[in-house]
Amino acid sequence: MAISVAGICAAEIPNLVGSWAGTGVGYGEEEGYVDEANYGILTMNITEQRGRLFNGEMTFREDGAAVVEGFAGAIGSDNKTFYVAEFGSGYDVGTISSEDEIGFLYLQDGEGGWVFIDTLRRVLE
C-alpha cells in the first residue's frame, strides 16, 4: 500500500516545462507603483525539470531594454507552491493555479527593492 501511495504522489508533480507569458503590477522604491500598461510582458521559459526541481530563463524589460535572466526553482511538497531564485537578484514565491496558469510574487530586498505580482499563462505552441 505504501508503494502505491508513493507512486500517486510522484505522478502528481506538475510539469512546468514550456513557455509562460503574462503581466503584473508592482511597486519599487524609486519608481513607485507600476501598472500593467507600464510593466510589459514577462516571459518565463522553463527548459528542464527533474522531479520537483526546474530551471530556465526569464525575459523582462528594464529601463526600456530586454533583460534575460537565468533561474532555478523548486515545487513544494503540496504540488501547488513553487519557489524561484533568480540568478541576477530576487526571489519568487508562486502558486500553480492550473495546468496552464501560474501566479507569483517577486521580491527584491535592499536598496532599490521591488515587489511584483505576476500572472502567467502557458504559451501553447
PDB file of N, CA and C in Angstrom:
ATOM      1  N   MET A   1       0.818  -1.185   0.000  1.00  0.00           N
ATOM      2  CA  MET A   1       0.000   0.000   0.000  1.00  0.00           C
ATOM      3  C   MET A   1       0.867   1.257   0.000  1.00  0.00           C
ATOM      4  N   ALA A   2       1.963   1.267   0.743  1.00  0.00           N
ATOM      5  CA  ALA A   2       2.841   2.430   0.779  1.00  0.00           C
ATOM      6  C   ALA A   2       3.442   2.696  -0.592  1.00  0.00           C
ATOM      7  N   ILE A   3       3.714   1.649  -1.352  1.00  0.00           N
ATOM      8  CA  ILE A   3       4.289   1.815  -2.684  1.00  0.00           C
ATOM      9  C   ILE A   3       3.300   2.509  -3.604  1.00  0.00           C
ATOM     10  N   SER A   4       2.034   2.142  -3.568  1.00  0.00           N
ATOM     11  CA  SER A   4       1.056   2.786  -4.450  1.00  0.00           C
ATOM     12  C   SER A   4       0.823   4.231  -4.052  1.00  0.00           C
ATOM     13  N   VAL A   5       0.868   4.564  -2.770  1.00  0.00           N
ATOM     14  CA  VAL A   5       0.723   5.952  -2.340  1.00  0.00           C
ATOM     15  C   VAL A   5       1.901   6.779  -2.841  1.00  0.00           C
ATOM     16  N   ALA A   6       3.109   6.250  -2.722  1.00  0.00           N
ATOM     17  CA  ALA A   6       4.288   6.960  -3.218  1.00  0.00           C
ATOM     18  C   ALA A   6       4.187   7.173  -4.715  1.00  0.00           C
ATOM     19  N   GLY A   7       3.684   6.191  -5.456  1.00  0.00           N
ATOM     20  CA  GLY A   7       3.513   6.331  -6.898  1.00  0.00           C
ATOM     21  C   GLY A   7       2.510   7.402  -7.254  1.00  0.00           C
ATOM     22  N   ILE A   8       1.450   7.494  -6.495  1.00  0.00           N
ATOM     23  CA  ILE A   8       0.434   8.521  -6.743  1.00  0.00           C
ATOM     24  C   ILE A   8       1.014   9.899  -6.493  1.00  0.00           C
ATOM     25  N   CYS A   9       1.743  10.088  -5.396  1.00  0.00           N
ATOM     26  CA  CYS A   9       2.321  11.388  -5.081  1.00  0.00           C
ATOM     27  C   CYS A   9       3.303  11.840  -6.156  1.00  0.00           C
ATOM     28  N   ALA A  10       4.161  10.926  -6.618  1.00  0.00           N
ATOM     29  CA  ALA A  10       5.134  11.277  -7.641  1.00  0.00           C
ATOM     30  C   ALA A  10       4.442  11.666  -8.939  1.00  0.00           C
ATOM     31  N   ALA A  11       3.344  11.005  -9.276  1.00  0.00           N
ATOM     32  CA  ALA A  11       2.626  11.297 -10.512  1.00  0.00           C
ATOM     33  C   ALA A  11       1.952  12.663 -10.476  1.00  0.00           C
ATOM     34  N   GLU A  12       1.713  13.200  -9.285  1.00  0.00           N
ATOM     35  CA  GLU A  12       1.004  14.467  -9.158  1.00  0.00           C
ATOM     36  C   GLU A  12       1.904  15.692  -9.298  1.00  0.00           C
ATOM     37  N   ILE A  13       3.215  15.493  -9.367  1.00  0.00           N
ATOM     38  CA  ILE A  13       4.106  16.644  -9.537  1.00  0.00           C
ATOM     39  C   ILE A  13       3.796  17.283 -10.887  1.00  0.00           C
ATOM     40  N   PRO A  14       3.418  18.557 -10.888  1.00  0.00           N
ATOM     41  CA  PRO A  14       3.069  19.196 -12.161  1.00  0.00           C
ATOM     42  C   PRO A  14       4.282  19.382 -13.073  1.00  0.00           C
ATOM     43  N   ASN A  15       4.036  19.276 -14.366  1.00  0.00           N
ATOM     44  CA  ASN A  15       5.069  19.504 -15.372  1.00  0.00           C
ATOM     45  C   ASN A  15       5.007  20.973 -15.779  1.00  0.00           C
ATOM     46  N   LEU A  16       6.029  21.744 -15.436  1.00  0.00           N
ATOM     47  CA  LEU A  16       6.059  23.175 -15.744  1.00  0.00           C
ATOM     48  C   LEU A  16       6.889  23.501 -16.974  1.00  0.00           C
ATOM     49  N   VAL A  17       7.500  22.504 -17.608  1.00  0.00           N
ATOM     50  CA  VAL A  17       8.349  22.755 -18.772  1.00  0.00           C
ATOM     51  C   VAL A  17       7.524  23.422 -19.868  1.00  0.00           C
ATOM     52  N   GLY A  18       8.090  24.473 -20.432  1.00  0.00           N
ATOM     53  CA  GLY A  18       7.440  25.183 -21.521  1.00  0.00           C
ATOM     54  C   GLY A  18       7.579  26.679 -21.348  1.00  0.00           C
ATOM     55  N   SER A  19       6.893  27.402 -22.227  1.00  0.00           N
ATOM     56  CA  SER A  19       6.933  28.859 -22.199  1.00  0.00           C
ATOM     57  C   SER A  19       5.681  29.397 -21.518  1.00  0.00           C
ATOM     58  N   TRP A  20       5.869  30.424 -20.705  1.00  0.00           N
ATOM     59  CA  TRP A  20       4.806  31.083 -19.965  1.00  0.00           C
ATOM     60  C   TRP A  20       4.939  32.578 -20.217  1.00  0.00           C
ATOM     61  N   ALA A  21       3.827  33.293 -20.303  1.00  0.00           N
ATOM     62  CA  ALA A  21       3.877  34.738 -20.531  1.00  0.00           C
ATOM     63  C   ALA A  21       2.721  35.421 -19.812  1.00  0.00           C
ATOM     64  N   GLY A  22       2.971  36.655 -19.394  1.00  0.00           N
ATOM     65  CA  GLY A  22       1.916  37.411 -18.732  1.00  0.00           C
ATOM     66  C   GLY A  22       2.402  38.762 -18.258  1.00  0.00           C
ATOM     67  N   THR A  23       1.562  39.399 -17.477  1.00  0.00           N
ATOM     68  CA  THR A  23       1.854  40.738 -16.969  1.00  0.00           C
ATOM     69  C   THR A  23       1.595  40.776 -15.472  1.00  0.00           C
ATOM     70  N   GLY A  24       1.845  41.925 -14.901  1.00  0.00           N
ATOM     71  CA  GLY A  24       1.612  42.088 -13.485  1.00  0.00           C
ATOM     72  C   GLY A  24       1.647  43.543 -13.081  1.00  0.00           C
ATOM     73  N   VAL A  25       1.606  43.753 -11.791  1.00  0.00           N
ATOM     74  CA  VAL A  25       1.691  45.084 -11.197  1.00  0.00           C
ATOM     75  C   VAL A  25       2.780  45.040 -10.136  1.00  0.00           C
ATOM     76  N   GLY A  26       3.316  46.212  -9.787  1.00  0.00           N
ATOM     77  CA  GLY A  26       4.381  46.200  -8.800  1.00  0.00           C
ATOM     78  C   GLY A  26       4.587  47.530  -8.131  1.00  0.00           C
ATOM     79  N   TYR A  27       5.566  47.541  -7.266  1.00  0.00           N
ATOM     80  CA  TYR A  27       5.981  48.754  -6.565  1.00  0.00           C
ATOM     81  C   TYR A  27       7.488  48.682  -6.354  1.00  0.00           C
ATOM     82  N   GLY A  28       8.162  49.790  -6.694  1.00  0.00           N
ATOM     83  CA  GLY A  28       9.602  49.883  -6.486  1.00  0.00           C
ATOM     84  C   GLY A  28       9.935  51.098  -5.663  1.00  0.00           C
ATOM     85  N   GLU A  29      10.998  51.000  -4.902  1.00  0.00           N
ATOM     86  CA  GLU A  29      11.413  52.095  -4.019  1.00  0.00           C
ATOM     87  C   GLU A  29      11.589  53.407  -4.783  1.00  0.00           C
ATOM     88  N   GLU A  30      12.216  53.353  -5.938  1.00  0.00           N
ATOM     89  CA  GLU A  30      12.498  54.565  -6.705  1.00  0.00           C
ATOM     90  C   GLU A  30      11.379  54.915  -7.685  1.00  0.00           C
ATOM     91  N   GLU A  31      10.727  53.914  -8.273  1.00  0.00           N
ATOM     92  CA  GLU A  31       9.743  54.142  -9.329  1.00  0.00           C
ATOM     93  C   GLU A  31       8.325  54.317  -8.814  1.00  0.00           C
ATOM     94  N   GLY A  32       8.022  53.831  -7.627  1.00  0.00           N
ATOM     95  CA  GLY A  32       6.659  53.865  -7.120  1.00  0.00           C
ATOM     96  C   GLY A  32       5.845  52.742  -7.747  1.00  0.00           C
ATOM     97  N   TYR A  33       4.540  52.960  -7.870  1.00  0.00           N
ATOM     98  CA  TYR A  33       3.645  51.931  -8.408  1.00  0.00           C
ATOM     99  C   TYR A  33       3.790  51.789  -9.917  1.00  0.00           C
ATOM    100  N   VAL A  34       3.752  50.550 -10.393  1.00  0.00           N
ATOM    101  CA  VAL A  34       3.827  50.231 -11.818  1.00  0.00           C
ATOM    102  C   VAL A  34       2.590  49.413 -12.153  1.00  0.00           C
ATOM    103  N   ASP A  35       1.815  49.873 -13.145  1.00  0.00           N
ATOM    104  CA  ASP A  35       0.624  49.110 -13.525  1.00  0.00           C
ATOM    105  C   ASP A  35       0.910  48.263 -14.760  1.00  0.00           C
ATOM    106  N   GLU A  36      -0.074  47.452 -15.155  1.00  0.00           N
ATOM    107  CA  GLU A  36       0.126  46.527 -16.284  1.00  0.00           C
ATOM    108  C   GLU A  36       0.503  47.239 -17.569  1.00  0.00           C
ATOM    109  N   ALA A  37      -0.035  48.434 -17.804  1.00  0.00           N
ATOM    110  CA  ALA A  37       0.257  49.167 -19.036  1.00  0.00           C
ATOM    111  C   ALA A  37       1.732  49.539 -19.131  1.00  0.00           C
ATOM    112  N   ASN A  38       2.374  49.777 -17.998  1.00  0.00           N
ATOM    113  CA  ASN A  38       3.783  50.175 -17.990  1.00  0.00           C
ATOM    114  C   ASN A  38       4.740  49.019 -17.738  1.00  0.00           C
ATOM    115  N   TYR A  39       4.205  47.884 -17.366  1.00  0.00           N
ATOM    116  CA  TYR A  39       5.021  46.746 -16.946  1.00  0.00           C
ATOM    117  C   TYR A  39       5.620  45.985 -18.119  1.00  0.00           C
ATOM    118  N   GLY A  40       4.845  45.787 -19.165  1.00  0.00           N
ATOM    119  CA  GLY A  40       5.311  44.989 -20.291  1.00  0.00           C
ATOM    120  C   GLY A  40       5.053  43.512 -20.055  1.00  0.00           C
ATOM    121  N   ILE A  41       5.429  42.707 -21.011  1.00  0.00           N
ATOM    122  CA  ILE A  41       5.210  41.261 -20.936  1.00  0.00           C
ATOM    123  C   ILE A  41       6.421  40.596 -20.283  1.00  0.00           C
ATOM    124  N   LEU A  42       6.153  39.724 -19.341  1.00  0.00           N
ATOM    125  CA  LEU A  42       7.178  38.895 -18.734  1.00  0.00           C
ATOM    126  C   LEU A  42       7.056  37.514 -19.347  1.00  0.00           C
ATOM    127  N   THR A  43       8.160  36.952 -19.797  1.00  0.00           N
ATOM    128  CA  THR A  43       8.136  35.576 -20.290  1.00  0.00           C
ATOM    129  C   THR A  43       9.051  34.729 -19.415  1.00  0.00           C
ATOM    130  N   MET A  44       8.623  33.511 -19.196  1.00  0.00           N
ATOM    131  CA  MET A  44       9.367  32.561 -18.381  1.00  0.00           C
ATOM    132  C   MET A  44       9.451  31.279 -19.191  1.00  0.00           C
ATOM    133  N   ASN A  45      10.658  30.880 -19.525  1.00  0.00           N
ATOM    134  CA  ASN A  45      10.857  29.662 -20.310  1.00  0.00           C
ATOM    135  C   ASN A  45      11.514  28.623 -19.412  1.00  0.00           C
ATOM    136  N   ILE A  46      10.730  27.620 -19.009  1.00  0.00           N
ATOM    137  CA  ILE A  46      11.253  26.537 -18.182  1.00  0.00           C
ATOM    138  C   ILE A  46      11.754  25.460 -19.139  1.00  0.00           C
ATOM    139  N   THR A  47      13.072  25.279 -19.166  1.00  0.00           N
ATOM    140  CA  THR A  47      13.695  24.406 -20.164  1.00  0.00           C
ATOM    141  C   THR A  47      13.912  22.984 -19.680  1.00  0.00           C
ATOM    142  N   GLU A  48      14.007  22.797 -18.359  1.00  0.00           N
ATOM    143  CA  GLU A  48      14.278  21.454 -17.840  1.00  0.00           C
ATOM    144  C   GLU A  48      13.632  21.294 -16.472  1.00  0.00           C
ATOM    145  N   GLN A  49      13.111  20.096 -16.219  1.00  0.00           N
ATOM    146  CA  GLN A  49      12.542  19.777 -14.912  1.00  0.00           C
ATOM    147  C   GLN A  49      12.911  18.345 -14.554  1.00  0.00           C
ATOM    148  N   ARG A  50      13.400  18.171 -13.344  1.00  0.00           N
ATOM    149  CA  ARG A  50      13.719  16.846 -12.811  1.00  0.00           C
ATOM    150  C   ARG A  50      13.001  16.716 -11.475  1.00  0.00           C
ATOM    151  N   GLY A  51      11.888  16.013 -11.481  1.00  0.00           N
ATOM    152  CA  GLY A  51      11.082  15.900 -10.278  1.00  0.00           C
ATOM    153  C   GLY A  51      10.558  17.262  -9.875  1.00  0.00           C
ATOM    154  N   ARG A  52      10.844  17.683  -8.666  1.00  0.00           N
ATOM    155  CA  ARG A  52      10.362  18.976  -8.166  1.00  0.00           C
ATOM    156  C   ARG A  52      11.273  20.149  -8.540  1.00  0.00           C
ATOM    157  N   LEU A  53      12.450  19.883  -9.086  1.00  0.00           N
ATOM    158  CA  LEU A  53      13.407  20.936  -9.446  1.00  0.00           C
ATOM    159  C   LEU A  53      13.273  21.318 -10.914  1.00  0.00           C
ATOM    160  N   PHE A  54      13.422  22.606 -11.208  1.00  0.00           N
ATOM    161  CA  PHE A  54      13.357  23.067 -12.597  1.00  0.00           C
ATOM    162  C   PHE A  54      14.261  24.275 -12.783  1.00  0.00           C
ATOM    163  N   ASN A  55      14.544  24.609 -14.043  1.00  0.00           N
ATOM    164  CA  ASN A  55      15.387  25.770 -14.352  1.00  0.00           C
ATOM    165  C   ASN A  55      15.002  26.337 -15.707  1.00  0.00           C
ATOM    166  N   GLY A  56      15.497  27.541 -15.971  1.00  0.00           N
ATOM    167  CA  GLY A  56      15.219  28.182 -17.249  1.00  0.00           C
ATOM    168  C   GLY A  56      15.658  29.625 -17.262  1.00  0.00           C
ATOM    169  N   GLU A  57      14.959  30.430 -18.087  1.00  0.00           N
ATOM    170  CA  GLU A  57      15.277  31.849 -18.235  1.00  0.00           C
ATOM    171  C   GLU A  57      13.998  32.674 -18.236  1.00  0.00           C
ATOM    172  N   MET A  58      14.105  33.884 -17.674  1.00  0.00           N
ATOM    173  CA  MET A  58      13.025  34.871 -17.735  1.00  0.00           C
ATOM    174  C   MET A  58      13.491  36.018 -18.610  1.00  0.00           C
ATOM    175  N   THR A  59      12.543  36.612 -19.317  1.00  0.00           N
ATOM    176  CA  THR A  59      12.824  37.806 -20.105  1.00  0.00           C
ATOM    177  C   THR A  59      11.836  38.881 -19.686  1.00  0.00           C
ATOM    178  N   PHE A  60      12.368  40.054 -19.372  1.00  0.00           N
ATOM    179  CA  PHE A  60      11.528  41.178 -18.964  1.00  0.00           C
ATOM    180  C   PHE A  60      12.191  42.475 -19.409  1.00  0.00           C
ATOM    181  N   ARG A  61      11.467  43.582 -19.289  1.00  0.00           N
ATOM    182  CA  ARG A  61      12.003  44.873 -19.693  1.00  0.00           C
ATOM    183  C   ARG A  61      12.440  45.649 -18.458  1.00  0.00           C
ATOM    184  N   GLU A  62      13.600  46.270 -18.571  1.00  0.00           N
ATOM    185  CA  GLU A  62      14.114  47.121 -17.507  1.00  0.00           C
ATOM    186  C   GLU A  62      14.762  48.327 -18.149  1.00  0.00           C
ATOM    187  N   ASP A  63      14.289  49.498 -17.806  1.00  0.00           N
ATOM    188  CA  ASP A  63      14.787  50.745 -18.403  1.00  0.00           C
ATOM    189  C   ASP A  63      14.702  50.710 -19.930  1.00  0.00           C
ATOM    190  N   GLY A  64      13.633  50.108 -20.449  1.00  0.00           N
ATOM    191  CA  GLY A  64      13.390  50.066 -21.883  1.00  0.00           C
ATOM    192  C   GLY A  64      14.129  48.985 -22.640  1.00  0.00           C
ATOM    193  N   ALA A  65      14.995  48.231 -21.967  1.00  0.00           N
ATOM    194  CA  ALA A  65      15.776  47.194 -22.642  1.00  0.00           C
ATOM    195  C   ALA A  65      15.344  45.810 -22.168  1.00  0.00           C
ATOM    196  N   ALA A  66      15.430  44.833 -23.066  1.00  0.00           N
ATOM    197  CA  ALA A  66      15.104  43.456 -22.702  1.00  0.00           C
ATOM    198  C   ALA A  66      16.230  42.879 -21.848  1.00  0.00           C
ATOM    199  N   VAL A  67      15.852  42.216 -20.766  1.00  0.00           N
ATOM    200  CA  VAL A  67      16.805  41.566 -19.874  1.00  0.00           C
ATOM    201  C   VAL A  67      16.477  40.080 -19.830  1.00  0.00           C
ATOM    202  N   VAL A  68      17.478  39.241 -19.999  1.00  0.00           N
ATOM    203  CA  VAL A  68      17.312  37.792 -19.895  1.00  0.00           C
ATOM    204  C   VAL A  68      18.081  37.347 -18.657  1.00  0.00           C
ATOM    205  N   GLU A  69      17.377  36.634 -17.773  1.00  0.00           N
ATOM    206  CA  GLU A  69      17.985  36.220 -16.508  1.00  0.00           C
ATOM    207  C   GLU A  69      17.678  34.756 -16.244  1.00  0.00           C
ATOM    208  N   GLY A  70      18.704  33.994 -15.914  1.00  0.00           N
ATOM    209  CA  GLY A  70      18.511  32.594 -15.574  1.00  0.00           C
ATOM    210  C   GLY A  70      17.934  32.435 -14.178  1.00  0.00           C
ATOM    211  N   PHE A  71      17.369  31.268 -13.916  1.00  0.00           N
ATOM    212  CA  PHE A  71      16.799  30.983 -12.604  1.00  0.00           C
ATOM    213  C   PHE A  71      16.772  29.483 -12.354  1.00  0.00           C
ATOM    214  N   ALA A  72      16.589  29.126 -11.093  1.00  0.00           N
ATOM    215  CA  ALA A  72      16.347  27.744 -10.685  1.00  0.00           C
ATOM    216  C   ALA A  72      15.177  27.767  -9.712  1.00  0.00           C
ATOM    217  N   GLY A  73      14.364  26.716  -9.746  1.00  0.00           N
ATOM    218  CA  GLY A  73      13.198  26.687  -8.885  1.00  0.00           C
ATOM    219  C   GLY A  73      12.906  25.311  -8.329  1.00  0.00           C
ATOM    220  N   ALA A  74      11.987  25.286  -7.365  1.00  0.00           N
ATOM    221  CA  ALA A  74      11.573  24.038  -6.743  1.00  0.00           C
ATOM    222  C   ALA A  74      10.073  24.090  -6.475  1.00  0.00           C
ATOM    223  N   ILE A  75       9.399  22.982  -6.730  1.00  0.00           N
ATOM    224  CA  ILE A  75       7.978  22.842  -6.433  1.00  0.00           C
ATOM    225  C   ILE A  75       7.859  22.285  -5.024  1.00  0.00           C
ATOM    226  N   GLY A  76       7.012  22.898  -4.198  1.00  0.00           N
ATOM    227  CA  GLY A  76       6.809  22.442  -2.832  1.00  0.00           C
ATOM    228  C   GLY A  76       6.120  21.088  -2.784  1.00  0.00           C
ATOM    229  N   SER A  77       6.151  20.466  -1.617  1.00  0.00           N
ATOM    230  CA  SER A  77       5.576  19.132  -1.462  1.00  0.00           C
ATOM    231  C   SER A  77       4.054  19.116  -1.619  1.00  0.00           C
ATOM    232  N   ASP A  78       3.414  20.283  -1.584  1.00  0.00           N
ATOM    233  CA  ASP A  78       1.961  20.341  -1.805  1.00  0.00           C
ATOM    234  C   ASP A  78       1.602  20.327  -3.285  1.00  0.00           C
ATOM    235  N   ASN A  79       2.609  20.374  -4.175  1.00  0.00           N
ATOM    236  CA  ASN A  79       2.429  20.399  -5.636  1.00  0.00           C
ATOM    237  C   ASN A  79       1.656  21.613  -6.130  1.00  0.00           C
ATOM    238  N   LYS A  80       1.534  22.631  -5.313  1.00  0.00           N
ATOM    239  CA  LYS A  80       0.830  23.869  -5.685  1.00  0.00           C
ATOM    240  C   LYS A  80       1.725  25.095  -5.546  1.00  0.00           C
ATOM    241  N   THR A  81       2.674  25.048  -4.623  1.00  0.00           N
ATOM    242  CA  THR A  81       3.544  26.179  -4.337  1.00  0.00           C
ATOM    243  C   THR A  81       4.899  25.939  -4.987  1.00  0.00           C
ATOM    244  N   PHE A  82       5.518  27.018  -5.511  1.00  0.00           N
ATOM    245  CA  PHE A  82       6.877  26.885  -6.028  1.00  0.00           C
ATOM    246  C   PHE A  82       7.708  28.085  -5.617  1.00  0.00           C
ATOM    247  N   TYR A  83       9.007  27.899  -5.653  1.00  0.00           N
ATOM    248  CA  TYR A  83       9.959  28.914  -5.212  1.00  0.00           C
ATOM    249  C   TYR A  83      11.035  29.043  -6.286  1.00  0.00           C
ATOM    250  N   VAL A  84      11.422  30.289  -6.588  1.00  0.00           N
ATOM    251  CA  VAL A  84      12.414  30.527  -7.636  1.00  0.00           C
ATOM    252  C   VAL A  84      13.492  31.468  -7.113  1.00  0.00           C
ATOM    253  N   ALA A  85      14.749  31.125  -7.357  1.00  0.00           N
ATOM    254  CA  ALA A  85      15.879  32.011  -7.105  1.00  0.00           C
ATOM    255  C   ALA A  85      16.347  32.511  -8.461  1.00  0.00           C
ATOM    256  N   GLU A  86      16.232  33.817  -8.679  1.00  0.00           N
ATOM    257  CA  GLU A  86      16.701  34.405  -9.937  1.00  0.00           C
ATOM    258  C   GLU A  86      18.202  34.639  -9.806  1.00  0.00           C
ATOM    259  N   PHE A  87      18.960  34.326 -10.852  1.00  0.00           N
ATOM    260  CA  PHE A  87      20.407  34.400 -10.775  1.00  0.00           C
ATOM    261  C   PHE A  87      20.939  35.834 -10.720  1.00  0.00           C
ATOM    262  N   GLY A  88      20.181  36.809 -11.235  1.00  0.00           N
ATOM    263  CA  GLY A  88      20.598  38.209 -11.154  1.00  0.00           C
ATOM    264  C   GLY A  88      20.341  38.767  -9.771  1.00  0.00           C
ATOM    265  N   SER A  89      19.107  38.705  -9.330  1.00  0.00           N
ATOM    266  CA  SER A  89      18.717  39.117  -7.983  1.00  0.00           C
ATOM    267  C   SER A  89      17.241  38.820  -7.796  1.00  0.00           C
ATOM    268  N   GLY A  90      16.848  38.621  -6.588  1.00  0.00           N
ATOM    269  CA  GLY A  90      15.446  38.455  -6.249  1.00  0.00           C
ATOM    270  C   GLY A  90      14.975  37.017  -6.181  1.00  0.00           C
ATOM    271  N   TYR A  91      13.781  36.880  -5.594  1.00  0.00           N
ATOM    272  CA  TYR A  91      13.149  35.579  -5.383  1.00  0.00           C
ATOM    273  C   TYR A  91      11.690  35.664  -5.773  1.00  0.00           C
ATOM    274  N   ASP A  92      11.118  34.520  -6.132  1.00  0.00           N
ATOM    275  CA  ASP A  92       9.704  34.422  -6.450  1.00  0.00           C
ATOM    276  C   ASP A  92       9.087  33.336  -5.585  1.00  0.00           C
ATOM    277  N   VAL A  93       7.891  33.608  -5.082  1.00  0.00           N
ATOM    278  CA  VAL A  93       7.084  32.605  -4.392  1.00  0.00           C
ATOM    279  C   VAL A  93       5.815  32.495  -5.212  1.00  0.00           C
ATOM    280  N   GLY A  94       5.534  31.299  -5.722  1.00  0.00           N
ATOM    281  CA  GLY A  94       4.438  31.154  -6.673  1.00  0.00           C
ATOM    282  C   GLY A  94       3.415  30.123  -6.281  1.00  0.00           C
ATOM    283  N   THR A  95       2.306  30.184  -7.025  1.00  0.00           N
ATOM    284  CA  THR A  95       1.211  29.234  -6.876  1.00  0.00           C
ATOM    285  C   THR A  95       0.841  28.701  -8.246  1.00  0.00           C
ATOM    286  N   ILE A  96       0.689  27.390  -8.341  1.00  0.00           N
ATOM    287  CA  ILE A  96       0.238  26.761  -9.576  1.00  0.00           C
ATOM    288  C   ILE A  96      -1.280  26.717  -9.506  1.00  0.00           C
ATOM    289  N   SER A  97      -1.941  27.575 -10.282  1.00  0.00           N
ATOM    290  CA  SER A  97      -3.397  27.684 -10.248  1.00  0.00           C
ATOM    291  C   SER A  97      -4.071  26.574 -11.039  1.00  0.00           C
ATOM    292  N   SER A  98      -3.466  26.235 -12.177  1.00  0.00           N
ATOM    293  CA  SER A  98      -3.988  25.168 -13.026  1.00  0.00           C
ATOM    294  C   SER A  98      -2.841  24.676 -13.901  1.00  0.00           C
ATOM    295  N   GLU A  99      -3.133  23.736 -14.762  1.00  0.00           N
ATOM    296  CA  GLU A  99      -2.117  23.200 -15.670  1.00  0.00           C
ATOM    297  C   GLU A  99      -1.530  24.288 -16.567  1.00  0.00           C
ATOM    298  N   ASP A 100      -2.327  25.338 -16.832  1.00  0.00           N
ATOM    299  CA  ASP A 100      -1.902  26.376 -17.768  1.00  0.00           C
ATOM    300  C   ASP A 100      -1.837  27.772 -17.173  1.00  0.00           C
ATOM    301  N   GLU A 101      -1.857  27.901 -15.826  1.00  0.00           N
ATOM    302  CA  GLU A 101      -1.769  29.224 -15.206  1.00  0.00           C
ATOM    303  C   GLU A 101      -0.993  29.151 -13.896  1.00  0.00           C
ATOM    304  N   ILE A 102      -0.047  30.085 -13.745  1.00  0.00           N
ATOM    305  CA  ILE A 102       0.708  30.228 -12.508  1.00  0.00           C
ATOM    306  C   ILE A 102       0.711  31.698 -12.105  1.00  0.00           C
ATOM    307  N   GLY A 103       0.852  31.933 -10.834  1.00  0.00           N
ATOM    308  CA  GLY A 103       0.982  33.294 -10.333  1.00  0.00           C
ATOM    309  C   GLY A 103       2.138  33.327  -9.364  1.00  0.00           C
ATOM    310  N   PHE A 104       2.818  34.473  -9.296  1.00  0.00           N
ATOM    311  CA  PHE A 104       3.884  34.552  -8.314  1.00  0.00           C
ATOM    312  C   PHE A 104       4.126  35.965  -7.832  1.00  0.00           C
ATOM    313  N   LEU A 105       4.744  36.030  -6.683  1.00  0.00           N
ATOM    314  CA  LEU A 105       5.180  37.282  -6.087  1.00  0.00           C
ATOM    315  C   LEU A 105       6.694  37.344  -6.223  1.00  0.00           C
ATOM    316  N   TYR A 106       7.184  38.431  -6.807  1.00  0.00           N
ATOM    317  CA  TYR A 106       8.623  38.640  -6.927  1.00  0.00           C
ATOM    318  C   TYR A 106       9.040  39.576  -5.800  1.00  0.00           C
ATOM    319  N   LEU A 107      10.118  39.248  -5.126  1.00  0.00           N
ATOM    320  CA  LEU A 107      10.630  40.059  -4.023  1.00  0.00           C
ATOM    321  C   LEU A 107      12.107  40.340  -4.233  1.00  0.00           C
ATOM    322  N   GLN A 108      12.457  41.618  -4.166  1.00  0.00           N
ATOM    323  CA  GLN A 108      13.866  42.019  -4.214  1.00  0.00           C
ATOM    324  C   GLN A 108      14.078  42.997  -3.078  1.00  0.00           C
ATOM    325  N   ASP A 109      14.909  42.625  -2.113  1.00  0.00           N
ATOM    326  CA  ASP A 109      15.096  43.493  -0.963  1.00  0.00           C
ATOM    327  C   ASP A 109      16.275  44.427  -1.154  1.00  0.00           C
ATOM    328  N   GLY A 110      16.503  45.257  -0.175  1.00  0.00           N
ATOM    329  CA  GLY A 110      17.646  46.158  -0.190  1.00  0.00           C
ATOM    330  C   GLY A 110      17.363  47.443  -0.938  1.00  0.00           C
ATOM    331  N   GLU A 111      18.411  48.210  -1.125  1.00  0.00           N
ATOM    332  CA  GLU A 111      18.301  49.482  -1.828  1.00  0.00           C
ATOM    333  C   GLU A 111      17.792  49.245  -3.241  1.00  0.00           C
ATOM    334  N   GLY A 112      16.803  50.010  -3.668  1.00  0.00           N
ATOM    335  CA  GLY A 112      16.208  49.825  -4.987  1.00  0.00           C
ATOM    336  C   GLY A 112      15.291  48.617  -5.047  1.00  0.00           C
ATOM    337  N   GLY A 113      14.777  48.177  -3.902  1.00  0.00           N
ATOM    338  CA  GLY A 113      13.938  46.984  -3.831  1.00  0.00           C
ATOM    339  C   GLY A 113      12.638  47.094  -4.617  1.00  0.00           C
ATOM    340  N   TRP A 114      12.081  45.936  -4.930  1.00  0.00           N
ATOM    341  CA  TRP A 114      10.856  45.808  -5.719  1.00  0.00           C
ATOM    342  C   TRP A 114       9.957  44.731  -5.144  1.00  0.00           C
ATOM    343  N   VAL A 115       8.684  44.820  -5.475  1.00  0.00           N
ATOM    344  CA  VAL A 115       7.738  43.729  -5.296  1.00  0.00           C
ATOM    345  C   VAL A 115       6.823  43.737  -6.520  1.00  0.00           C
ATOM    346  N   PHE A 116       6.582  42.570  -7.094  1.00  0.00           N
ATOM    347  CA  PHE A 116       5.680  42.432  -8.242  1.00  0.00           C
ATOM    348  C   PHE A 116       4.721  41.284  -7.987  1.00  0.00           C
ATOM    349  N   ILE A 117       3.521  41.418  -8.521  1.00  0.00           N
ATOM    350  CA  ILE A 117       2.537  40.345  -8.534  1.00  0.00           C
ATOM    351  C   ILE A 117       2.292  40.019  -9.999  1.00  0.00           C
ATOM    352  N   ASP A 118       2.588  38.784 -10.410  1.00  0.00           N
ATOM    353  CA  ASP A 118       2.500  38.390 -11.810  1.00  0.00           C
ATOM    354  C   ASP A 118       1.550  37.219 -11.988  1.00  0.00           C
ATOM    355  N   THR A 119       0.850  37.219 -13.126  1.00  0.00           N
ATOM    356  CA  THR A 119       0.043  36.073 -13.546  1.00  0.00           C
ATOM    357  C   THR A 119       0.528  35.684 -14.928  1.00  0.00           C
ATOM    358  N   LEU A 120       0.939  34.418 -15.072  1.00  0.00           N
ATOM    359  CA  LEU A 120       1.448  33.921 -16.353  1.00  0.00           C
ATOM    360  C   LEU A 120       0.595  32.752 -16.818  1.00  0.00           C
ATOM    361  N   ARG A 121       0.427  32.678 -18.131  1.00  0.00           N
ATOM    362  CA  ARG A 121      -0.295  31.569 -18.734  1.00  0.00           C
ATOM    363  C   ARG A 121       0.639  30.830 -19.684  1.00  0.00           C
ATOM    364  N   ARG A 122       0.425  29.519 -19.756  1.00  0.00           N
ATOM    365  CA  ARG A 122       1.251  28.702 -20.638  1.00  0.00           C
ATOM    366  C   ARG A 122       1.027  29.121 -22.092  1.00  0.00           C
ATOM    367  N   VAL A 123       2.114  29.271 -22.836  1.00  0.00           N
ATOM    368  CA  VAL A 123       2.043  29.605 -24.248  1.00  0.00           C
ATOM    369  C   VAL A 123       1.956  28.286 -25.001  1.00  0.00           C
ATOM    370  N   LEU A 124       0.836  28.047 -25.632  1.00  0.00           N
ATOM    371  CA  LEU A 124       0.633  26.797 -26.363  1.00  0.00           C
ATOM    372  C   LEU A 124       1.209  26.942 -27.760  1.00  0.00           C
ATOM    373  N   GLU A 125       2.032  26.003 -28.138  1.00  0.00           N
ATOM    374  CA  GLU A 125       2.698  26.084 -29.446  1.00  0.00           C
ATOM    375  C   GLU A 125       2.118  25.094 -30.397  1.00  0.00           C
TER     376      GLU A 125
END
